[in-house]
Each structure stands twice: as structure tokens, then as C-alpha cells.
Amino acid sequence: MERPRVLAQPLAVAGDSLAHGEPILIFDARDREGETDLVFLSEMAAPELVRLQRHDAGGLICTAISDELRLRLGLPFVSDLLREASRRYPIAARLAEQKLRYDRRSAFGVTVNHRSNFTGVPDNDRATTIRAVGELARDAPRLSDAKLIDRFTDEFTSPGHLPLLYAAPGLVRERKGHTELAISLARMAGLSESMTVCEMLGDSGGARSPEAARRYADAHGWAFLEGRTIAEAWAEWSE
């Protein structure tokens, strides 16, 4: 079946916003994390977007990449690193035992800083790191594996202040976290496959409610997508 050339309006609007450097909001589901993330396209990163996530969202700023890029770079999950280290550090294996209440496995990978950073923490530094990851994802199809790896190691150092998240190979067919939702949307919209996400927190010690997050999106004129909307579109697009 030929893939539809035109996305449904909510997704098309969201994709266009991302391509022009605007953020969008993605709510996963009430029966999963029940969280809304403030999301932008990594290659469009600017200090103002990082500041927006830090100030208006307040969660952990992370950058998602596709499983394809992860495999080409040979990047490990943090849980795998802990298990590999367990022979020398037995506590590492116990730390790697995950019993997540919302999923089977964490998407967390290595943390990075751009080599031009000073500390890596300020908005300017993090924007530089995020934008470089996004540009690498954008350019990856035109690079050999060797050149891709050389560029990654030339530009980044680890550990750093930007956690990378790795999307599941089957994207939303396999896992419906914000990592997969964001990368699925990027792929359908024809964007570079790296998105930067940050959980929106409330003032009561928990996540911001989806109703409050939607009001925030409406007040700023930004797209608000539910995870099921992305998943349903993906099921049709990927047939």
C-alpha cells in the first residue's frame, strides 16, 4: 500500500510548526505515564527553546534519536553499560534491574556535551549540544557509518548534561513513550529524526494535567497532540 502523501491536519500542522522552530505538546496516555512533553525539533534548537523547556515545562530535557541512528553509531543503553560493568562493580547489575510501572524498559542512553561547551549546563551550551545532535541526525543518510561515527566522537564527549533517548525499533508499534511518539511524528512529517522533549510539571508535586497542558498550548497557539492520534496515523502510514 502506498503511504499517504498528506498527513491528517493536526499532524501536518504540528510537523510544520516543528520545521519552523516552534514547539508542540505531546500527551502520551492516561494509562501510561500520563504526562505531556514540550517538544521541539533538535536541529532547530536555540537558547530560547531550552529556556522555555526549563522554565515552562520543568522536567528533564532529553534528546531522542531513532534506533537506526543508535545502531549506526553503536551507542549503548545505560542499562547495558551497568550490566557490562557488573563484573568489576557488582552493585551495577542490581542498579540495572528495572521494574518500571509504565513500561518494560527505559529509553535512556549515554549523556553528552558538545566539545565546544564550557560546562554544558547553560541554555547556550545545551542548545549547541542539542542542535548538533539534530544536525547529525539530519545529515546521517548522506554519511557512511565511519564518517558518522567520526563526526559524533569529534563533536561530543560523554558523560555530559544532555541525556540521549533511543526510540524502539518498531516505534509506536512497539512502545508508546514520548521518545517513540516524537520520532514517529518526525518520520511521518519528513523531518530530521531527532526531537528534544521535556516533561511538563504541575505545581502540586506531580505532572501537569493534560487539561492544563492543553490550555497552555492553546494560550500560546501551539499544537497539542495525544499519543493515540500519532499511533493511529502511524498504523496507516506504515502499512
C-alpha atoms as a PDB file:
ATOM      1  CA  MET A   1       0.000   0.000   0.000  1.00  0.00           C
ATOM      2  CA  GLU A   2       1.373   3.403  -0.943  1.00  0.00           C
ATOM      3  CA  ARG A   3       1.993   5.679   2.012  1.00  0.00           C
ATOM      4  CA  PRO A   4      -0.325   8.654   2.153  1.00  0.00           C
ATOM      5  CA  ARG A   5       1.395  11.808   0.990  1.00  0.00           C
ATOM      6  CA  VAL A   6      -0.707  14.107   3.143  1.00  0.00           C
ATOM      7  CA  LEU A   7      -0.947  13.761   6.913  1.00  0.00           C
ATOM      8  CA  ALA A   8      -4.141  14.488   8.787  1.00  0.00           C
ATOM      9  CA  GLN A   9      -4.405  18.175   9.622  1.00  0.00           C
ATOM     10  CA  PRO A  10      -3.374  18.029  13.315  1.00  0.00           C
ATOM     11  CA  LEU A  11      -0.184  16.142  12.464  1.00  0.00           C
ATOM     12  CA  ALA A  12       0.554  18.263   9.405  1.00  0.00           C
ATOM     13  CA  VAL A  13       0.174  21.437  11.466  1.00  0.00           C
ATOM     14  CA  ALA A  14       2.423  20.021  14.179  1.00  0.00           C
ATOM     15  CA  GLY A  15       5.056  18.983  11.629  1.00  0.00           C
ATOM     16  CA  ASP A  16       5.019  22.409  10.006  1.00  0.00           C
ATOM     17  CA  SER A  17       5.384  24.080  13.401  1.00  0.00           C
ATOM     18  CA  LEU A  18       8.364  21.903  14.280  1.00  0.00           C
ATOM     19  CA  ALA A  19      10.024  22.597  10.928  1.00  0.00           C
ATOM     20  CA  HIS A  20       9.755  26.330  11.629  1.00  0.00           C
ATOM     21  CA  GLY A  21      11.320  26.070  15.075  1.00  0.00           C
ATOM     22  CA  GLU A  22       8.127  26.165  17.132  1.00  0.00           C
ATOM     23  CA  PRO A  23       7.466  23.729  19.986  1.00  0.00           C
ATOM     24  CA  ILE A  24       4.493  21.397  20.232  1.00  0.00           C
ATOM     25  CA  LEU A  25       2.997  19.412  23.112  1.00  0.00           C
ATOM     26  CA  ILE A  26       2.524  15.626  23.150  1.00  0.00           C
ATOM     27  CA  PHE A  27       0.448  13.787  25.773  1.00  0.00           C
ATOM     28  CA  ASP A  28       1.194  10.056  25.934  1.00  0.00           C
ATOM     29  CA  ALA A  29      -1.872   8.464  27.600  1.00  0.00           C
ATOM     30  CA  ARG A  30      -3.701   8.389  30.915  1.00  0.00           C
ATOM     31  CA  ASP A  31      -2.903   4.684  31.331  1.00  0.00           C
ATOM     32  CA  ARG A  32       0.819   5.162  30.690  1.00  0.00           C
ATOM     33  CA  GLU A  33       2.911   7.971  32.239  1.00  0.00           C
ATOM     34  CA  GLY A  34       0.004  10.391  31.994  1.00  0.00           C
ATOM     35  CA  GLU A  35       2.460  13.148  31.091  1.00  0.00           C
ATOM     36  CA  THR A  36       2.646  15.893  28.493  1.00  0.00           C
ATOM     37  CA  ASP A  37       6.034  16.764  26.999  1.00  0.00           C
ATOM     38  CA  LEU A  38       7.035  20.084  25.492  1.00  0.00           C
ATOM     39  CA  VAL A  39       8.814  19.071  22.277  1.00  0.00           C
ATOM     40  CA  PHE A  40      10.894  20.739  19.569  1.00  0.00           C
ATOM     41  CA  LEU A  41      12.927  19.596  16.563  1.00  0.00           C
ATOM     42  CA  SER A  42      16.520  19.188  17.718  1.00  0.00           C
ATOM     43  CA  GLU A  43      18.180  20.747  14.686  1.00  0.00           C
ATOM     44  CA  MET A  44      16.190  23.941  15.376  1.00  0.00           C
ATOM     45  CA  ALA A  45      17.479  24.204  18.954  1.00  0.00           C
ATOM     46  CA  ALA A  46      18.080  27.718  20.270  1.00  0.00           C
ATOM     47  CA  PRO A  47      18.756  29.013  23.798  1.00  0.00           C
ATOM     48  CA  GLU A  48      15.207  30.384  23.896  1.00  0.00           C
ATOM     49  CA  LEU A  49      13.723  26.912  23.342  1.00  0.00           C
ATOM     50  CA  VAL A  50      15.884  25.362  26.030  1.00  0.00           C
ATOM     51  CA  ARG A  51      14.915  28.170  28.404  1.00  0.00           C
ATOM     52  CA  LEU A  52      11.252  27.573  27.548  1.00  0.00           C
ATOM     53  CA  GLN A  53      11.518  23.886  28.428  1.00  0.00           C
ATOM     54  CA  ARG A  54      13.434  24.632  31.607  1.00  0.00           C
ATOM     55  CA  HIS A  55      11.100  27.396  32.751  1.00  0.00           C
ATOM     56  CA  ASP A  56       7.638  26.415  31.473  1.00  0.00           C
ATOM     57  CA  ALA A  57       7.958  22.615  31.496  1.00  0.00           C
ATOM     58  CA  GLY A  58      10.441  21.963  34.297  1.00  0.00           C
ATOM     59  CA  GLY A  59      11.171  18.275  33.713  1.00  0.00           C
ATOM     60  CA  LEU A  60      14.301  16.621  32.367  1.00  0.00           C
ATOM     61  CA  ILE A  61      15.482  17.931  28.990  1.00  0.00           C
ATOM     62  CA  CYS A  62      16.417  14.943  26.800  1.00  0.00           C
ATOM     63  CA  THR A  63      17.088  14.426  23.118  1.00  0.00           C
ATOM     64  CA  ALA A  64      15.562  11.465  21.285  1.00  0.00           C
ATOM     65  CA  ILE A  65      17.085   9.761  18.259  1.00  0.00           C
ATOM     66  CA  SER A  66      15.946   6.839  16.109  1.00  0.00           C
ATOM     67  CA  ASP A  67      17.024   3.267  16.703  1.00  0.00           C
ATOM     68  CA  GLU A  68      18.558   3.281  13.236  1.00  0.00           C
ATOM     69  CA  LEU A  69      20.909   6.112  14.182  1.00  0.00           C
ATOM     70  CA  ARG A  70      21.717   4.481  17.511  1.00  0.00           C
ATOM     71  CA  LEU A  71      22.705   1.245  15.764  1.00  0.00           C
ATOM     72  CA  ARG A  72      24.834   3.003  13.163  1.00  0.00           C
ATOM     73  CA  LEU A  73      26.690   4.839  15.925  1.00  0.00           C
ATOM     74  CA  GLY A  74      26.943   1.750  18.122  1.00  0.00           C
ATOM     75  CA  LEU A  75      25.583   3.583  21.162  1.00  0.00           C
ATOM     76  CA  PRO A  76      24.698   1.586  24.297  1.00  0.00           C
ATOM     77  CA  PHE A  77      21.765   1.915  26.661  1.00  0.00           C
ATOM     78  CA  VAL A  78      22.722   2.954  30.184  1.00  0.00           C
ATOM     79  CA  SER A  79      21.223  -0.299  31.490  1.00  0.00           C
ATOM     80  CA  ASP A  80      23.541  -2.270  29.198  1.00  0.00           C
ATOM     81  CA  LEU A  81      26.569  -0.325  30.411  1.00  0.00           C
ATOM     82  CA  LEU A  82      25.656  -1.103  34.004  1.00  0.00           C
ATOM     83  CA  ARG A  83      25.354  -4.801  33.285  1.00  0.00           C
ATOM     84  CA  GLU A  84      28.681  -4.817  31.453  1.00  0.00           C
ATOM     85  CA  ALA A  85      30.311  -3.094  34.429  1.00  0.00           C
ATOM     86  CA  SER A  86      28.897  -5.552  36.959  1.00  0.00           C
ATOM     87  CA  ARG A  87      31.937  -7.862  36.973  1.00  0.00           C
ATOM     88  CA  ARG A  88      34.031  -5.077  38.445  1.00  0.00           C
ATOM     89  CA  TYR A  89      31.216  -3.260  40.217  1.00  0.00           C
ATOM     90  CA  PRO A  90      28.622  -5.805  41.427  1.00  0.00           C
ATOM     91  CA  ILE A  91      26.252  -3.058  42.516  1.00  0.00           C
ATOM     92  CA  ALA A  92      25.865  -2.042  38.864  1.00  0.00           C
ATOM     93  CA  ALA A  93      23.885  -5.180  37.999  1.00  0.00           C
ATOM     94  CA  ARG A  94      21.457  -4.515  40.829  1.00  0.00           C
ATOM     95  CA  LEU A  95      21.009  -0.913  39.687  1.00  0.00           C
ATOM     96  CA  ALA A  96      20.264  -2.147  36.150  1.00  0.00           C
ATOM     97  CA  GLU A  97      17.301  -4.212  37.355  1.00  0.00           C
ATOM     98  CA  GLN A  98      14.312  -2.196  36.165  1.00  0.00           C
ATOM     99  CA  LYS A  99      10.753  -2.662  37.322  1.00  0.00           C
ATOM    100  CA  LEU A 100       9.087   0.267  35.616  1.00  0.00           C
ATOM    101  CA  ARG A 101       5.412   0.714  36.358  1.00  0.00           C
ATOM    102  CA  TYR A 102       4.715   2.332  32.979  1.00  0.00           C
ATOM    103  CA  ASP A 103       6.890   0.355  30.553  1.00  0.00           C
ATOM    104  CA  ARG A 104       9.181  -2.611  30.057  1.00  0.00           C
ATOM    105  CA  ARG A 105      12.437  -0.761  29.525  1.00  0.00           C
ATOM    106  CA  SER A 106      13.915   2.694  29.917  1.00  0.00           C
ATOM    107  CA  ALA A 107      14.921   4.528  26.746  1.00  0.00           C
ATOM    108  CA  PHE A 108      17.901   6.232  28.402  1.00  0.00           C
ATOM    109  CA  GLY A 109      21.211   6.169  26.575  1.00  0.00           C
ATOM    110  CA  VAL A 110      24.504   7.943  27.136  1.00  0.00           C
ATOM    111  CA  THR A 111      24.731  11.596  28.183  1.00  0.00           C
ATOM    112  CA  VAL A 112      26.697  14.032  26.024  1.00  0.00           C
ATOM    113  CA  ASN A 113      28.099  17.540  25.852  1.00  0.00           C
ATOM    114  CA  HIS A 114      29.282  19.300  22.720  1.00  0.00           C
ATOM    115  CA  ARG A 115      33.053  19.673  22.855  1.00  0.00           C
ATOM    116  CA  SER A 116      32.744  23.439  22.449  1.00  0.00           C
ATOM    117  CA  ASN A 117      30.757  23.714  25.713  1.00  0.00           C
ATOM    118  CA  PHE A 118      32.227  25.200  28.862  1.00  0.00           C
ATOM    119  CA  THR A 119      30.159  23.367  31.500  1.00  0.00           C
ATOM    120  CA  GLY A 120      27.347  22.154  29.256  1.00  0.00           C
ATOM    121  CA  VAL A 121      24.609  23.392  31.604  1.00  0.00           C
ATOM    122  CA  PRO A 122      23.631  26.923  30.448  1.00  0.00           C
ATOM    123  CA  ASP A 123      20.947  27.351  27.825  1.00  0.00           C
ATOM    124  CA  ASN A 124      23.541  28.360  25.221  1.00  0.00           C
ATOM    125  CA  ASP A 125      25.614  25.236  25.866  1.00  0.00           C
ATOM    126  CA  ARG A 126      22.676  22.855  25.854  1.00  0.00           C
ATOM    127  CA  ALA A 127      21.250  24.436  22.711  1.00  0.00           C
ATOM    128  CA  THR A 128      24.602  23.904  20.977  1.00  0.00           C
ATOM    129  CA  THR A 129      24.660  20.239  22.006  1.00  0.00           C
ATOM    130  CA  ILE A 130      21.051  19.612  21.025  1.00  0.00           C
ATOM    131  CA  ARG A 131      21.366  21.382  17.682  1.00  0.00           C
ATOM    132  CA  ALA A 132      24.496  19.360  16.835  1.00  0.00           C
ATOM    133  CA  VAL A 133      22.678  16.085  17.571  1.00  0.00           C
ATOM    134  CA  GLY A 134      19.815  17.229  15.355  1.00  0.00           C
ATOM    135  CA  GLU A 135      22.146  18.204  12.528  1.00  0.00           C
ATOM    136  CA  LEU A 136      23.870  14.836  12.792  1.00  0.00           C
ATOM    137  CA  ALA A 137      20.505  13.079  12.509  1.00  0.00           C
ATOM    138  CA  ARG A 138      19.654  15.296   9.514  1.00  0.00           C
ATOM    139  CA  ASP A 139      22.928  14.523   7.732  1.00  0.00           C
ATOM    140  CA  ALA A 140      23.164  10.836   8.683  1.00  0.00           C
ATOM    141  CA  PRO A 141      21.548   9.459   5.481  1.00  0.00           C
ATOM    142  CA  ARG A 142      24.309  11.088   3.426  1.00  0.00           C
ATOM    143  CA  LEU A 143      27.205   9.841   5.582  1.00  0.00           C
ATOM    144  CA  SER A 144      28.960   6.496   5.700  1.00  0.00           C
ATOM    145  CA  ASP A 145      28.965   4.716   9.046  1.00  0.00           C
ATOM    146  CA  ALA A 146      32.648   5.516   9.533  1.00  0.00           C
ATOM    147  CA  LYS A 147      32.173   9.228   8.847  1.00  0.00           C
ATOM    148  CA  LEU A 148      29.080   9.299  11.042  1.00  0.00           C
ATOM    149  CA  ILE A 149      30.969   7.797  13.982  1.00  0.00           C
ATOM    150  CA  ASP A 150      33.957  10.088  13.435  1.00  0.00           C
ATOM    151  CA  ARG A 151      31.705  13.135  13.407  1.00  0.00           C
ATOM    152  CA  PHE A 152      29.903  12.029  16.561  1.00  0.00           C
ATOM    153  CA  THR A 153      33.115  11.472  18.516  1.00  0.00           C
ATOM    154  CA  ASP A 154      34.688  14.661  17.131  1.00  0.00           C
ATOM    155  CA  GLU A 155      31.707  16.754  18.238  1.00  0.00           C
ATOM    156  CA  PHE A 156      30.640  15.151  21.519  1.00  0.00           C
ATOM    157  CA  THR A 157      32.069  13.974  24.802  1.00  0.00           C
ATOM    158  CA  SER A 158      30.468  11.788  27.467  1.00  0.00           C
ATOM    159  CA  PRO A 159      29.358  11.969  30.227  1.00  0.00           C
ATOM    160  CA  GLY A 160      27.605  15.266  29.675  1.00  0.00           C
ATOM    161  CA  HIS A 161      24.479  17.212  30.555  1.00  0.00           C
ATOM    162  CA  LEU A 162      22.193  16.073  27.719  1.00  0.00           C
ATOM    163  CA  PRO A 163      20.683  12.578  28.084  1.00  0.00           C
ATOM    164  CA  LEU A 164      20.048  10.800  24.805  1.00  0.00           C
ATOM    165  CA  LEU A 165      16.912   8.678  24.415  1.00  0.00           C
ATOM    166  CA  TYR A 166      16.750   5.823  21.923  1.00  0.00           C
ATOM    167  CA  ALA A 167      13.488   5.035  20.168  1.00  0.00           C
ATOM    168  CA  ALA A 168      12.375   1.407  19.990  1.00  0.00           C
ATOM    169  CA  PRO A 169      12.958  -0.273  16.606  1.00  0.00           C
ATOM    170  CA  GLY A 170       9.231  -0.629  15.942  1.00  0.00           C
ATOM    171  CA  LEU A 171       8.480   2.899  17.152  1.00  0.00           C
ATOM    172  CA  VAL A 172       4.880   3.247  18.377  1.00  0.00           C
ATOM    173  CA  ARG A 173       4.005  -0.307  17.338  1.00  0.00           C
ATOM    174  CA  GLU A 174       6.449  -1.475  19.991  1.00  0.00           C
ATOM    175  CA  ARG A 175       6.439   1.283  22.610  1.00  0.00           C
ATOM    176  CA  LYS A 176       4.297   4.374  23.015  1.00  0.00           C
ATOM    177  CA  GLY A 177       6.604   6.582  25.043  1.00  0.00           C
ATOM    178  CA  HIS A 178       7.281  10.203  24.193  1.00  0.00           C
ATOM    179  CA  THR A 179      10.515   9.092  22.518  1.00  0.00           C
ATOM    180  CA  GLU A 180       8.669   6.902  20.014  1.00  0.00           C
ATOM    181  CA  LEU A 181       5.752   9.296  19.596  1.00  0.00           C
ATOM    182  CA  ALA A 182       8.101  12.164  18.768  1.00  0.00           C
ATOM    183  CA  ILE A 183      10.295  10.186  16.371  1.00  0.00           C
ATOM    184  CA  SER A 184       7.244   8.632  14.660  1.00  0.00           C
ATOM    185  CA  LEU A 185       5.846  12.111  14.098  1.00  0.00           C
ATOM    186  CA  ALA A 186       9.183  13.345  12.749  1.00  0.00           C
ATOM    187  CA  ARG A 187       9.364  10.448  10.283  1.00  0.00           C
ATOM    188  CA  MET A 188       5.820  10.893   9.033  1.00  0.00           C
ATOM    189  CA  ALA A 189       6.360  14.629   8.622  1.00  0.00           C
ATOM    190  CA  GLY A 190       9.621  14.120   6.724  1.00  0.00           C
ATOM    191  CA  LEU A 191      11.706  15.869   9.381  1.00  0.00           C
ATOM    192  CA  SER A 192      15.150  15.007  10.698  1.00  0.00           C
ATOM    193  CA  GLU A 193      14.711  12.205  13.220  1.00  0.00           C
ATOM    194  CA  SER A 194      15.814  13.825  16.453  1.00  0.00           C
ATOM    195  CA  MET A 195      13.411  15.557  18.814  1.00  0.00           C
ATOM    196  CA  THR A 196      14.058  17.171  22.182  1.00  0.00           C
ATOM    197  CA  VAL A 197      11.494  16.536  24.906  1.00  0.00           C
ATOM    198  CA  CYS A 198      10.801  17.769  28.426  1.00  0.00           C
ATOM    199  CA  GLU A 199       8.015  16.757  30.823  1.00  0.00           C
ATOM    200  CA  MET A 200       5.575  19.442  31.865  1.00  0.00           C
ATOM    201  CA  LEU A 201       5.296  19.530  35.645  1.00  0.00           C
ATOM    202  CA  GLY A 202       2.492  20.904  37.778  1.00  0.00           C
ATOM    203  CA  ASP A 203       2.600  22.902  40.995  1.00  0.00           C
ATOM    204  CA  SER A 204       1.325  20.065  43.207  1.00  0.00           C
ATOM    205  CA  GLY A 205       4.391  17.823  43.009  1.00  0.00           C
ATOM    206  CA  GLY A 206       3.249  15.758  40.033  1.00  0.00           C
ATOM    207  CA  ALA A 207       2.830  16.004  36.285  1.00  0.00           C
ATOM    208  CA  ARG A 208       0.821  18.846  34.815  1.00  0.00           C
ATOM    209  CA  SER A 209      -2.646  17.583  33.975  1.00  0.00           C
ATOM    210  CA  PRO A 210      -3.425  17.108  30.275  1.00  0.00           C
ATOM    211  CA  GLU A 211      -6.218  19.659  30.610  1.00  0.00           C
ATOM    212  CA  ALA A 212      -3.810  22.263  31.978  1.00  0.00           C
ATOM    213  CA  ALA A 213      -1.240  21.379  29.333  1.00  0.00           C
ATOM    214  CA  ARG A 214      -3.836  21.787  26.595  1.00  0.00           C
ATOM    215  CA  ARG A 215      -4.835  25.195  27.969  1.00  0.00           C
ATOM    216  CA  TYR A 216      -1.155  26.187  27.940  1.00  0.00           C
ATOM    217  CA  ALA A 217      -0.839  25.063  24.308  1.00  0.00           C
ATOM    218  CA  ASP A 218      -3.998  26.936  23.297  1.00  0.00           C
ATOM    219  CA  ALA A 219      -2.820  30.102  25.041  1.00  0.00           C
ATOM    220  CA  HIS A 220       0.401  30.058  23.006  1.00  0.00           C
ATOM    221  CA  GLY A 221      -1.144  28.881  19.750  1.00  0.00           C
ATOM    222  CA  TRP A 222       0.874  25.644  19.730  1.00  0.00           C
ATOM    223  CA  ALA A 223      -0.212  22.197  18.610  1.00  0.00           C
ATOM    224  CA  PHE A 224      -1.305  19.672  21.239  1.00  0.00           C
ATOM    225  CA  LEU A 225      -1.310  16.013  20.173  1.00  0.00           C
ATOM    226  CA  GLU A 226      -2.445  12.923  22.019  1.00  0.00           C
ATOM    227  CA  GLY A 227      -0.360   9.795  21.705  1.00  0.00           C
ATOM    228  CA  ARG A 228      -3.251   7.828  20.229  1.00  0.00           C
ATOM    229  CA  THR A 229      -3.544  10.350  17.384  1.00  0.00           C
ATOM    230  CA  ILE A 230       0.093   9.772  16.434  1.00  0.00           C
ATOM    231  CA  ALA A 231      -0.190   5.993  16.881  1.00  0.00           C
ATOM    232  CA  GLU A 232      -3.306   5.763  14.705  1.00  0.00           C
ATOM    233  CA  ALA A 233      -1.687   7.840  11.974  1.00  0.00           C
ATOM    234  CA  TRP A 234       1.454   5.681  12.166  1.00  0.00           C
ATOM    235  CA  ALA A 235      -0.576   2.480  11.779  1.00  0.00           C
ATOM    236  CA  GLU A 236      -1.975   3.796   8.491  1.00  0.00           C
ATOM    237  CA  TRP A 237       1.239   5.466   7.282  1.00  0.00           C
ATOM    238  CA  SER A 238       3.463   2.441   7.882  1.00  0.00           C
ATOM    239  CA  GLU A 239       1.272  -0.194   6.207  1.00  0.00           C
END
